[in-house]
Amino acid sequence: MESTYTASKPMHHSAATTSARPTRRKANGSATAALLIQMATEILTASPTMRHRMNITLTDLSAADKIRKQLLKPATTL
């Protein structure tokens, strides 16, 4: 028996579907680290119980915030 079914769409991917995919941006390690430090600092600042369990003081969070700000500064060349 011969099949009479014909596909209405091609079976292969067209160029339009592959070009619609967003390009991957370059990783920025220091910006990512700064964001993670900021998130952790905000969470721990709002939760004294969690700070106590992890043995982290507000002074530690202040020091982490200083490091975060240093990570966001543009690198200076000598």
Protein backbone atom coordinates (compact mmCIF):
# COMPACT_ATOMS: atom_id res chain seq x y z
CA MET A 1 0.00 0.00 0.00
CA GLU A 2 1.21 3.45 -0.79
CA SER A 3 0.80 6.25 1.76
CA THR A 4 -1.08 9.36 0.68
CA TYR A 5 -0.06 11.47 3.71
CA THR A 6 2.00 14.53 2.94
CA ALA A 7 3.67 16.61 5.61
CA SER A 8 2.53 20.21 5.71
CA LYS A 9 5.74 21.37 7.37
CA PRO A 10 9.29 20.40 6.48
CA MET A 11 10.99 17.93 8.81
CA HIS A 12 14.20 19.93 9.11
CA HIS A 13 14.75 23.11 11.15
CA SER A 14 14.65 26.34 9.25
CA ALA A 15 17.15 29.18 9.67
CA ALA A 16 14.43 31.37 11.20
CA THR A 17 14.05 29.13 14.25
CA THR A 18 17.78 28.99 14.99
CA SER A 19 18.32 32.74 14.63
CA ALA A 20 15.49 33.49 17.08
CA ARG A 21 17.49 31.90 19.88
CA PRO A 22 19.10 34.54 22.13
CA THR A 23 22.85 34.76 22.16
CA ARG A 24 24.61 33.78 25.34
CA ARG A 25 26.24 36.67 27.12
CA LYS A 26 29.77 36.55 28.44
CA ALA A 27 30.15 35.48 32.03
CA ASN A 28 31.29 38.16 34.41
CA GLY A 29 32.64 36.41 37.49
CA SER A 30 33.11 39.46 39.68
CA ALA A 31 29.63 40.82 38.91
CA THR A 32 28.10 37.43 39.65
CA ALA A 33 30.03 37.15 42.92
CA ALA A 34 28.94 40.66 43.90
CA LEU A 35 25.30 39.80 43.20
CA LEU A 36 25.51 36.62 45.28
CA ILE A 37 27.13 38.51 48.15
CA GLN A 38 24.39 41.12 47.99
CA MET A 39 21.65 38.48 48.03
CA ALA A 40 23.18 36.66 50.98
CA THR A 41 23.75 39.90 52.89
CA GLU A 42 20.12 40.96 52.43
CA ILE A 43 18.81 37.57 53.52
CA LEU A 44 21.07 37.36 56.56
CA THR A 45 20.42 40.97 57.58
CA ALA A 46 16.69 40.24 57.67
CA SER A 47 17.07 36.95 59.58
CA PRO A 48 18.75 37.14 62.99
CA THR A 49 17.95 33.47 63.62
CA MET A 50 19.78 32.37 60.49
CA ARG A 51 22.74 34.62 61.36
CA HIS A 52 22.90 33.08 64.83
CA ARG A 53 22.79 29.52 63.43
CA MET A 54 25.58 30.30 60.97
CA ASN A 55 27.57 32.28 63.56
CA ILE A 56 27.68 35.39 61.35
CA THR A 57 27.68 38.85 62.88
CA LEU A 58 26.56 42.16 61.44
CA THR A 59 30.25 43.09 61.32
CA ASP A 60 30.84 40.10 59.01
CA LEU A 61 28.02 41.30 56.76
CA SER A 62 29.50 44.78 56.69
CA ALA A 63 32.88 43.35 55.65
CA ALA A 64 31.19 41.29 52.93
CA ASP A 65 29.49 44.43 51.62
CA LYS A 66 32.86 46.18 51.37
CA ILE A 67 34.20 43.24 49.35
CA ARG A 68 31.11 43.38 47.12
CA LYS A 69 31.74 47.05 46.39
CA GLN A 70 35.37 46.32 45.55
CA LEU A 71 34.28 43.62 43.11
CA LEU A 72 32.05 46.10 41.29
CA LYS A 73 34.79 48.72 40.85
CA PRO A 74 36.48 48.68 37.46
CA ALA A 75 39.90 47.06 37.54
CA THR A 76 42.76 49.51 37.64
CA THR A 77 45.92 48.76 35.73
CA LEU A 78 49.37 49.58 37.02
